[in-house]
C-alpha atoms as a PDB file:
ATOM      1  CA  MET A   1     -53.387 -50.335 -20.172  1.00  0.00           C
ATOM      2  CA  SER A   2     -53.984 -47.672 -17.910  1.00  0.00           C
ATOM      3  CA  ARG A   3     -51.199 -48.646 -15.386  1.00  0.00           C
ATOM      4  CA  ALA A   4     -48.701 -49.154 -18.339  1.00  0.00           C
ATOM      5  CA  LEU A   5     -48.949 -45.940 -20.097  1.00  0.00           C
ATOM      6  CA  PRO A   6     -46.758 -44.186 -17.101  1.00  0.00           C
ATOM      7  CA  LYS A   7     -44.086 -46.303 -17.458  1.00  0.00           C
ATOM      8  CA  TYR A   8     -44.220 -45.697 -21.331  1.00  0.00           C
ATOM      9  CA  ASN A   9     -44.714 -42.072 -20.644  1.00  0.00           C
ATOM     10  CA  LYS A  10     -41.393 -41.809 -18.161  1.00  0.00           C
ATOM     11  CA  ARG A  11     -39.384 -43.834 -20.319  1.00  0.00           C
ATOM     12  CA  ARG A  12     -40.276 -41.459 -23.765  1.00  0.00           C
ATOM     13  CA  VAL A  13     -39.590 -38.424 -21.504  1.00  0.00           C
ATOM     14  CA  ALA A  14     -36.125 -40.033 -19.941  1.00  0.00           C
ATOM     15  CA  ALA A  15     -35.364 -40.912 -23.556  1.00  0.00           C
ATOM     16  CA  VAL A  16     -36.110 -37.591 -25.138  1.00  0.00           C
ATOM     17  CA  GLY A  17     -34.439 -35.667 -21.812  1.00  0.00           C
ATOM     18  CA  GLY A  18     -31.505 -37.965 -22.899  1.00  0.00           C
ATOM     19  CA  ALA A  19     -31.080 -36.568 -26.408  1.00  0.00           C
ATOM     20  CA  ALA A  20     -31.752 -33.254 -25.715  1.00  0.00           C
ATOM     21  CA  ALA A  21     -28.818 -33.472 -23.290  1.00  0.00           C
ATOM     22  CA  VAL A  22     -26.663 -34.722 -26.082  1.00  0.00           C
ATOM     23  CA  VAL A  23     -27.561 -32.211 -28.557  1.00  0.00           C
ATOM     24  CA  LEU A  24     -27.086 -29.721 -25.600  1.00  0.00           C
ATOM     25  CA  SER A  25     -23.486 -31.245 -25.037  1.00  0.00           C
ATOM     26  CA  GLY A  26     -22.771 -31.003 -28.631  1.00  0.00           C
ATOM     27  CA  ALA A  27     -23.919 -27.986 -28.833  1.00  0.00           C
ATOM     28  CA  VAL A  28     -21.714 -26.411 -25.799  1.00  0.00           C
ATOM     29  CA  ILE A  29     -18.293 -28.430 -27.218  1.00  0.00           C
ATOM     30  CA  ALA A  30     -19.045 -26.481 -30.741  1.00  0.00           C
ATOM     31  CA  GLY A  31     -19.454 -23.154 -28.908  1.00  0.00           C
ATOM     32  CA  SER A  32     -16.029 -23.638 -27.297  1.00  0.00           C
ATOM     33  CA  ALA A  33     -14.092 -24.716 -30.095  1.00  0.00           C
ATOM     34  CA  LEU A  34     -15.409 -21.673 -32.218  1.00  0.00           C
ATOM     35  CA  ALA A  35     -14.234 -19.529 -28.785  1.00  0.00           C
ATOM     36  CA  GLY A  36     -11.087 -20.790 -29.060  1.00  0.00           C
ATOM     37  CA  GLU A  37     -10.969 -22.279 -25.142  1.00  0.00           C
ATOM     38  CA  PRO A  38      -8.690 -25.446 -24.835  1.00  0.00           C
ATOM     39  CA  GLY A  39      -9.958 -28.673 -26.550  1.00  0.00           C
ATOM     40  CA  GLY A  40     -10.970 -25.847 -29.499  1.00  0.00           C
ATOM     41  CA  GLY A  41     -10.703 -26.633 -33.263  1.00  0.00           C
ATOM     42  CA  THR A  42      -9.115 -23.041 -33.157  1.00  0.00           C
ATOM     43  CA  LYS A  43      -7.637 -20.767 -30.690  1.00  0.00           C
ATOM     44  CA  ALA A  44      -7.844 -16.368 -29.908  1.00  0.00           C
ATOM     45  CA  ARG A  45      -5.631 -14.353 -31.787  1.00  0.00           C
ATOM     46  CA  PRO A  46      -4.521 -10.899 -30.590  1.00  0.00           C
ATOM     47  CA  LEU A  47      -5.865  -7.845 -32.016  1.00  0.00           C
ATOM     48  CA  ALA A  48      -3.054  -6.301 -34.208  1.00  0.00           C
ATOM     49  CA  ALA A  49      -1.566  -3.074 -32.985  1.00  0.00           C
ATOM     50  CA  PRO A  50      -3.868  -0.051 -34.798  1.00  0.00           C
ATOM     51  CA  SER A  51      -2.655   1.906 -37.566  1.00  0.00           C
ATOM     52  CA  THR A  52      -3.225   5.044 -39.176  1.00  0.00           C
ATOM     53  CA  ILE A  53      -1.858   6.874 -42.314  1.00  0.00           C
ATOM     54  CA  ILE A  54      -0.217   9.769 -41.703  1.00  0.00           C
ATOM     55  CA  CYS A  55       0.405  12.166 -44.656  1.00  0.00           C
ATOM     56  CA  PRO A  56       2.191  15.993 -45.116  1.00  0.00           C
ATOM     57  CA  ASP A  57      -0.202  18.996 -44.236  1.00  0.00           C
ATOM     58  CA  VAL A  58      -0.546  20.684 -47.387  1.00  0.00           C
ATOM     59  CA  ALA A  59      -2.422  23.790 -46.249  1.00  0.00           C
ATOM     60  CA  SER A  60       0.713  25.055 -44.179  1.00  0.00           C
ATOM     61  CA  ARG A  61       2.935  24.840 -46.666  1.00  0.00           C
ATOM     62  CA  LEU A  62       0.823  27.254 -49.269  1.00  0.00           C
ATOM     63  CA  PRO A  63       1.936  30.526 -50.071  1.00  0.00           C
ATOM     64  CA  ALA A  64      -0.501  33.596 -49.684  1.00  0.00           C
ATOM     65  CA  VAL A  65      -3.845  32.558 -51.681  1.00  0.00           C
ATOM     66  CA  PRO A  66      -5.163  34.962 -53.981  1.00  0.00           C
ATOM     67  CA  ALA A  67      -8.858  36.017 -53.305  1.00  0.00           C
ATOM     68  CA  SER A  68      -9.767  34.745 -56.895  1.00  0.00           C
ATOM     69  CA  ALA A  69      -8.249  31.030 -56.093  1.00  0.00           C
ATOM     70  CA  ARG A  70      -9.477  31.044 -52.682  1.00  0.00           C
ATOM     71  CA  ALA A  71     -12.788  29.126 -53.349  1.00  0.00           C
ATOM     72  CA  GLU A  72     -10.778  26.505 -55.530  1.00  0.00           C
ATOM     73  CA  VAL A  73      -7.966  25.623 -53.022  1.00  0.00           C
ATOM     74  CA  ASP A  74     -10.271  25.846 -50.122  1.00  0.00           C
ATOM     75  CA  ARG A  75     -12.318  23.383 -52.125  1.00  0.00           C
ATOM     76  CA  ASN A  76      -9.205  20.721 -52.817  1.00  0.00           C
ATOM     77  CA  LEU A  77      -7.907  21.033 -49.190  1.00  0.00           C
ATOM     78  CA  THR A  78     -11.159  19.400 -48.272  1.00  0.00           C
ATOM     79  CA  LEU A  79     -10.690  16.848 -50.987  1.00  0.00           C
ATOM     80  CA  LEU A  80      -7.329  15.729 -49.453  1.00  0.00           C
ATOM     81  CA  THR A  81      -8.732  15.712 -46.236  1.00  0.00           C
ATOM     82  CA  THR A  82     -11.813  13.411 -47.210  1.00  0.00           C
ATOM     83  CA  GLN A  83      -9.029  10.780 -49.398  1.00  0.00           C
ATOM     84  CA  ILE A  84      -7.028  10.409 -46.348  1.00  0.00           C
ATOM     85  CA  ARG A  85     -10.281   9.659 -43.696  1.00  0.00           C
ATOM     86  CA  GLU A  86     -11.510   7.525 -47.278  1.00  0.00           C
ATOM     87  CA  ALA A  87      -8.076   5.858 -47.056  1.00  0.00           C
ATOM     88  CA  ASN A  88      -8.049   5.296 -43.100  1.00  0.00           C
ATOM     89  CA  ASN A  89     -11.604   3.953 -43.512  1.00  0.00           C
ATOM     90  CA  ARG A  90     -10.458   1.309 -45.995  1.00  0.00           C
ATOM     91  CA  LEU A  91      -7.424   0.971 -44.037  1.00  0.00           C
ATOM     92  CA  ALA A  92      -9.676  -0.281 -40.856  1.00  0.00           C
ATOM     93  CA  THR A  93     -12.144  -2.482 -42.891  1.00  0.00           C
ATOM     94  CA  SER A  94      -9.627  -4.643 -44.838  1.00  0.00           C
ATOM     95  CA  THR A  95      -7.529  -5.975 -41.741  1.00  0.00           C
ATOM     96  CA  GLY A  96      -6.668  -9.602 -42.894  1.00  0.00           C
ATOM     97  CA  GLN A  97      -6.542  -8.797 -46.588  1.00  0.00           C
ATOM     98  CA  GLY A  98      -4.138  -9.657 -49.504  1.00  0.00           C
ATOM     99  CA  GLY A  99      -0.471 -10.345 -49.485  1.00  0.00           C
ATOM    100  CA  PRO A 100       2.444  -8.419 -47.191  1.00  0.00           C
ATOM    101  CA  ASN A 101       2.335  -5.755 -49.786  1.00  0.00           C
ATOM    102  CA  PHE A 102      -1.561  -4.816 -49.602  1.00  0.00           C
ATOM    103  CA  VAL A 103      -1.725  -1.371 -47.880  1.00  0.00           C
ATOM    104  CA  GLN A 104       0.869   0.158 -49.993  1.00  0.00           C
ATOM    105  CA  ASN A 105      -0.388  -1.375 -53.294  1.00  0.00           C
ATOM    106  CA  ALA A 106      -4.152  -1.267 -52.532  1.00  0.00           C
ATOM    107  CA  ILE A 107      -4.239   2.141 -49.921  1.00  0.00           C
ATOM    108  CA  LEU A 108      -0.893   3.711 -49.957  1.00  0.00           C
ATOM    109  CA  GLY A 109      -0.565   3.793 -53.694  1.00  0.00           C
ATOM    110  CA  PRO A 110      -3.751   5.222 -55.001  1.00  0.00           C
ATOM    111  CA  LEU A 111      -4.297   7.691 -52.005  1.00  0.00           C
ATOM    112  CA  LYS A 112      -0.545   9.029 -53.610  1.00  0.00           C
ATOM    113  CA  ASP A 113      -1.796   9.197 -56.865  1.00  0.00           C
ATOM    114  CA  LYS A 114      -4.932  11.172 -55.866  1.00  0.00           C
ATOM    115  CA  ARG A 115      -3.249  13.703 -53.855  1.00  0.00           C
ATOM    116  CA  ALA A 116      -0.603  14.228 -56.144  1.00  0.00           C
ATOM    117  CA  SER A 117      -3.647  15.340 -58.637  1.00  0.00           C
ATOM    118  CA  THR A 118      -5.602  17.348 -55.737  1.00  0.00           C
ATOM    119  CA  ILE A 119      -2.241  19.034 -55.068  1.00  0.00           C
ATOM    120  CA  ASP A 120      -1.398  19.747 -58.580  1.00  0.00           C
ATOM    121  CA  ARG A 121      -5.191  21.603 -58.915  1.00  0.00           C
ATOM    122  CA  ILE A 122      -4.292  23.510 -55.969  1.00  0.00           C
ATOM    123  CA  ALA A 123      -1.061  24.820 -57.935  1.00  0.00           C
ATOM    124  CA  ILE A 124      -2.661  25.188 -60.988  1.00  0.00           C
ATOM    125  CA  ALA A 125      -5.591  27.374 -59.376  1.00  0.00           C
ATOM    126  CA  ILE A 126      -2.894  29.834 -57.398  1.00  0.00           C
ATOM    127  CA  GLY A 127      -0.676  30.080 -60.389  1.00  0.00           C
ATOM    128  CA  ARG A 128      -3.144  31.350 -62.468  1.00  0.00           C
ATOM    129  CA  THR A 129      -2.795  35.217 -60.781  1.00  0.00           C
ATOM    130  CA  THR A 130       0.050  34.479 -59.194  1.00  0.00           C
ATOM    131  CA  THR A 131       3.836  32.608 -59.391  1.00  0.00           C
ATOM    132  CA  LYS A 132       2.676  28.848 -59.124  1.00  0.00           C
ATOM    133  CA  PRO A 133       3.995  27.485 -56.036  1.00  0.00           C
ATOM    134  CA  GLN A 134       7.009  24.738 -56.759  1.00  0.00           C
ATOM    135  CA  GLY A 135       7.618  21.171 -54.863  1.00  0.00           C
ATOM    136  CA  LEU A 136       4.398  20.692 -53.769  1.00  0.00           C
ATOM    137  CA  ASN A 137       4.036  17.360 -55.018  1.00  0.00           C
ATOM    138  CA  ALA A 138       6.970  16.084 -52.681  1.00  0.00           C
ATOM    139  CA  LEU A 139       3.745  16.507 -49.980  1.00  0.00           C
ATOM    140  CA  ALA A 140       1.673  13.646 -52.229  1.00  0.00           C
ATOM    141  CA  ALA A 141       3.064  10.350 -50.182  1.00  0.00           C
ATOM    142  CA  CYS A 142       2.124   9.014 -46.994  1.00  0.00           C
ATOM    143  CA  THR A 143       3.084   6.587 -44.377  1.00  0.00           C
ATOM    144  CA  LEU A 144       1.476   4.327 -42.127  1.00  0.00           C
ATOM    145  CA  GLY A 145       2.464   4.889 -38.491  1.00  0.00           C
ATOM    146  CA  GLY A 146       1.018   3.734 -35.164  1.00  0.00           C
ATOM    147  CA  GLY A 147      -2.478   4.330 -34.226  1.00  0.00           C
ATOM    148  CA  THR A 148      -0.907   6.147 -31.439  1.00  0.00           C
ATOM    149  CA  ALA A 149       1.461   8.348 -33.070  1.00  0.00           C
ATOM    150  CA  THR A 150       1.319  12.262 -33.088  1.00  0.00           C
ATOM    151  CA  THR A 151       4.105  12.719 -35.481  1.00  0.00           C
ATOM    152  CA  PRO A 152       4.079  15.937 -37.077  1.00  0.00           C
ATOM    153  CA  GLN A 153       2.867  16.786 -40.641  1.00  0.00           C
ATOM    154  CA  GLY A 154       5.080  18.211 -43.431  1.00  0.00           C
ATOM    155  CA  THR A 155       7.835  18.414 -40.928  1.00  0.00           C
ATOM    156  CA  ASP A 156      10.572  17.748 -43.716  1.00  0.00           C
ATOM    157  CA  THR A 157      13.434  20.758 -43.925  1.00  0.00           C
ATOM    158  CA  THR A 158      12.566  22.381 -46.933  1.00  0.00           C
ATOM    159  CA  ASN A 159      11.046  26.226 -46.342  1.00  0.00           C
ATOM    160  CA  GLY A 160       7.450  26.589 -46.775  1.00  0.00           C
ATOM    161  CA  THR A 161       6.264  28.731 -50.240  1.00  0.00           C
ATOM    162  CA  GLY A 162       5.997  32.290 -49.189  1.00  0.00           C
ATOM    163  CA  THR A 163       7.482  32.060 -45.251  1.00  0.00           C
ATOM    164  CA  ASP A 164      10.466  33.895 -44.437  1.00  0.00           C
ATOM    165  CA  ALA A 165      13.566  31.383 -44.846  1.00  0.00           C
ATOM    166  CA  THR A 166      14.834  32.379 -41.726  1.00  0.00           C
ATOM    167  CA  ARG A 167      12.315  31.595 -40.099  1.00  0.00           C
ATOM    168  CA  GLY A 168      11.516  28.733 -41.493  1.00  0.00           C
ATOM    169  CA  THR A 169       7.687  26.797 -41.968  1.00  0.00           C
ATOM    170  CA  ILE A 170       4.783  26.818 -38.929  1.00  0.00           C
ATOM    171  CA  THR A 171       3.776  22.745 -39.320  1.00  0.00           C
ATOM    172  CA  CYS A 172       1.195  20.710 -37.149  1.00  0.00           C
ATOM    173  CA  PRO A 173      -0.052  17.555 -36.695  1.00  0.00           C
ATOM    174  CA  ASP A 174      -3.434  16.650 -39.440  1.00  0.00           C
ATOM    175  CA  VAL A 175      -6.179  15.920 -37.297  1.00  0.00           C
ATOM    176  CA  ALA A 176      -8.358  14.642 -40.045  1.00  0.00           C
ATOM    177  CA  SER A 177      -6.154  11.036 -40.516  1.00  0.00           C
ATOM    178  CA  ARG A 178      -6.681  10.698 -36.742  1.00  0.00           C
ATOM    179  CA  LEU A 179      -9.970  11.246 -36.441  1.00  0.00           C
ATOM    180  CA  PRO A 180     -12.525   7.861 -35.919  1.00  0.00           C
ATOM    181  CA  ALA A 181     -15.590   7.630 -38.448  1.00  0.00           C
ATOM    182  CA  VAL A 182     -17.572  10.439 -38.321  1.00  0.00           C
ATOM    183  CA  PRO A 183     -21.311  10.461 -38.278  1.00  0.00           C
ATOM    184  CA  ALA A 184     -23.195  11.816 -40.437  1.00  0.00           C
ATOM    185  CA  SER A 185     -24.841  13.995 -38.144  1.00  0.00           C
ATOM    186  CA  ALA A 186     -22.070  15.242 -37.114  1.00  0.00           C
ATOM    187  CA  ARG A 187     -20.000  15.993 -41.099  1.00  0.00           C
ATOM    188  CA  ALA A 188     -21.097  19.247 -41.111  1.00  0.00           C
ATOM    189  CA  GLU A 189     -19.688  20.685 -38.203  1.00  0.00           C
ATOM    190  CA  VAL A 190     -16.366  18.318 -38.688  1.00  0.00           C
ATOM    191  CA  ASP A 191     -15.620  19.582 -41.924  1.00  0.00           C
ATOM    192  CA  ARG A 192     -16.055  23.232 -40.799  1.00  0.00           C
ATOM    193  CA  ASN A 193     -13.840  22.836 -37.973  1.00  0.00           C
ATOM    194  CA  LEU A 194     -10.806  21.175 -40.181  1.00  0.00           C
ATOM    195  CA  THR A 195     -10.932  23.965 -42.712  1.00  0.00           C
ATOM    196  CA  LEU A 196     -11.062  26.509 -39.752  1.00  0.00           C
ATOM    197  CA  LEU A 197      -7.715  24.288 -38.645  1.00  0.00           C
ATOM    198  CA  THR A 198      -6.090  24.706 -42.342  1.00  0.00           C
ATOM    199  CA  THR A 199      -7.083  28.491 -41.816  1.00  0.00           C
ATOM    200  CA  GLN A 200      -5.605  29.128 -39.118  1.00  0.00           C
ATOM    201  CA  ILE A 201      -2.418  27.248 -39.548  1.00  0.00           C
ATOM    202  CA  ARG A 202      -1.872  29.611 -42.937  1.00  0.00           C
ATOM    203  CA  GLU A 203      -2.811  32.699 -41.214  1.00  0.00           C
ATOM    204  CA  ALA A 204      -0.006  31.696 -38.613  1.00  0.00           C
ATOM    205  CA  ASN A 205       2.352  30.926 -41.308  1.00  0.00           C
ATOM    206  CA  ASN A 206       1.676  34.760 -43.102  1.00  0.00           C
ATOM    207  CA  ARG A 207       1.817  36.409 -39.758  1.00  0.00           C
ATOM    208  CA  LEU A 208       5.348  34.346 -39.775  1.00  0.00           C
ATOM    209  CA  ALA A 209       6.332  35.388 -42.797  1.00  0.00           C
ATOM    210  CA  THR A 210       5.311  39.462 -42.407  1.00  0.00           C
ATOM    211  CA  THR A 211       6.997  40.196 -38.743  1.00  0.00           C
ATOM    212  CA  SER A 212      10.522  39.021 -40.275  1.00  0.00           C
ATOM    213  CA  GLY A 213      12.742  41.234 -37.102  1.00  0.00           C
ATOM    214  CA  GLN A 214      10.401  41.829 -34.922  1.00  0.00           C
ATOM    215  CA  GLY A 215      10.261  40.893 -31.150  1.00  0.00           C
ATOM    216  CA  GLY A 216      13.077  39.290 -28.946  1.00  0.00           C
ATOM    217  CA  PRO A 217      14.537  35.069 -29.162  1.00  0.00           C
ATOM    218  CA  ASN A 218      11.141  34.182 -28.239  1.00  0.00           C
ATOM    219  CA  PHE A 219       8.455  36.265 -30.547  1.00  0.00           C
ATOM    220  CA  VAL A 220       8.042  33.452 -32.625  1.00  0.00           C
ATOM    221  CA  GLN A 221       6.597  30.957 -29.510  1.00  0.00           C
ATOM    222  CA  ASN A 222       5.267  33.648 -27.768  1.00  0.00           C
ATOM    223  CA  ALA A 223       3.079  35.784 -30.898  1.00  0.00           C
ATOM    224  CA  ILE A 224       2.476  32.690 -33.233  1.00  0.00           C
ATOM    225  CA  LEU A 225       3.055  29.323 -32.206  1.00  0.00           C
ATOM    226  CA  GLY A 226       1.448  30.179 -28.760  1.00  0.00           C
ATOM    227  CA  PRO A 227      -1.958  31.992 -29.777  1.00  0.00           C
ATOM    228  CA  LEU A 228      -1.925  28.893 -32.495  1.00  0.00           C
ATOM    229  CA  LYS A 229      -2.018  26.203 -30.101  1.00  0.00           C
ATOM    230  CA  ASP A 230      -4.825  27.997 -28.039  1.00  0.00           C
ATOM    231  CA  LYS A 231      -6.699  28.377 -30.800  1.00  0.00           C
ATOM    232  CA  ARG A 232      -6.083  24.626 -32.622  1.00  0.00           C
ATOM    233  CA  ALA A 233      -7.062  23.161 -29.260  1.00  0.00           C
ATOM    234  CA  SER A 234     -10.813  25.028 -29.048  1.00  0.00           C
ATOM    235  CA  THR A 235     -11.126  23.709 -32.802  1.00  0.00           C
ATOM    236  CA  ILE A 236     -10.003  20.621 -32.162  1.00  0.00           C
ATOM    237  CA  ASP A 237     -12.385  19.753 -28.790  1.00  0.00           C
ATOM    238  CA  ARG A 238     -15.599  21.292 -30.798  1.00  0.00           C
ATOM    239  CA  ILE A 239     -14.405  18.397 -33.227  1.00  0.00           C
ATOM    240  CA  ALA A 240     -14.876  15.524 -30.550  1.00  0.00           C
ATOM    241  CA  ILE A 241     -17.604  17.335 -29.248  1.00  0.00           C
ATOM    242  CA  ALA A 242     -19.249  16.623 -32.732  1.00  0.00           C
ATOM    243  CA  ILE A 243     -18.607  13.343 -33.072  1.00  0.00           C
ATOM    244  CA  GLY A 244     -19.498  12.621 -29.109  1.00  0.00           C
ATOM    245  CA  ARG A 245     -23.234  13.834 -29.330  1.00  0.00           C
ATOM    246  CA  THR A 246     -24.178  10.784 -31.556  1.00  0.00           C
ATOM    247  CA  SER A 247     -20.745   8.184 -31.283  1.00  0.00           C
ATOM    248  CA  THR A 248     -17.938   7.756 -28.911  1.00  0.00           C
ATOM    249  CA  LYS A 249     -16.107  11.093 -28.484  1.00  0.00           C
ATOM    250  CA  PRO A 250     -12.490  10.145 -29.536  1.00  0.00           C
ATOM    251  CA  GLN A 251      -9.788  10.635 -26.850  1.00  0.00           C
ATOM    252  CA  GLY A 252      -6.512  11.908 -26.676  1.00  0.00           C
ATOM    253  CA  LEU A 253      -7.025  14.330 -30.155  1.00  0.00           C
ATOM    254  CA  ASN A 254      -5.465  17.371 -27.439  1.00  0.00           C
ATOM    255  CA  THR A 255      -2.169  16.023 -28.398  1.00  0.00           C
ATOM    256  CA  LEU A 256      -2.452  17.685 -31.712  1.00  0.00           C
ATOM    257  CA  ALA A 257      -2.692  21.065 -31.073  1.00  0.00           C
ATOM    258  CA  ALA A 258       0.981  21.797 -30.927  1.00  0.00           C
ATOM    259  CA  CYS A 259       2.898  23.219 -33.740  1.00  0.00           C
ATOM    260  CA  THR A 260       6.415  23.458 -34.472  1.00  0.00           C
ATOM    261  CA  LEU A 261       8.972  25.540 -36.718  1.00  0.00           C
ATOM    262  CA  VAL A 262      10.921  24.126 -39.094  1.00  0.00           C
ATOM    263  CA  LYS A 263      13.612  25.678 -40.567  1.00  0.00           C
END
């Protein structure tokens, strides 16, 4: 009896080992199929090119804002930034959902409605103590562009209200819509610098309007657009640094610093 036991144990071990090998082989085959390896039931799919929602910049199209309306206007400009960020977040998290019109119907359409209401509140706030700006509703609609696009915002050919018609309007690429998800720890600093970008554009357009006829042919570039680019570059860099403290630092934002003059 004692001599038979080792043979029995060997047969038992062999059987268990064989069963384990079969189970392990099955797991490997299943794993290969799920991973899209040759012979599997599915194939790996290439990732779609990243996209981003591009919106016209509203701040650069405003006239001089009365002091009595400044707080309400700034609050709604910040809300426009939040709306773009939320729409881009939904765009990123809903990949593959819905039919061919999903983005238009579920994201761009509702975003346009929200922006229209917010822009109208800005115009009403200004209009309480000065001439209500007209035509801002044309800035409500946004478009879907490539993730690496650097399309300037608000570059339509109409003159910005309150600027010199012979010079036009300074328009700048929108930074908020190009940001990744912002960590909560960086939100206050990022929002503060986004507001500063808005202020910089407004101040540049105000200077454009109040210096009509000054300087030579390069006055606008040297005295307004050049300094504005430097200010924006520093502000955008602070935004990237703030995000990079607790997450991946966004790259390529410096391409959004330069602005253009649209007549």
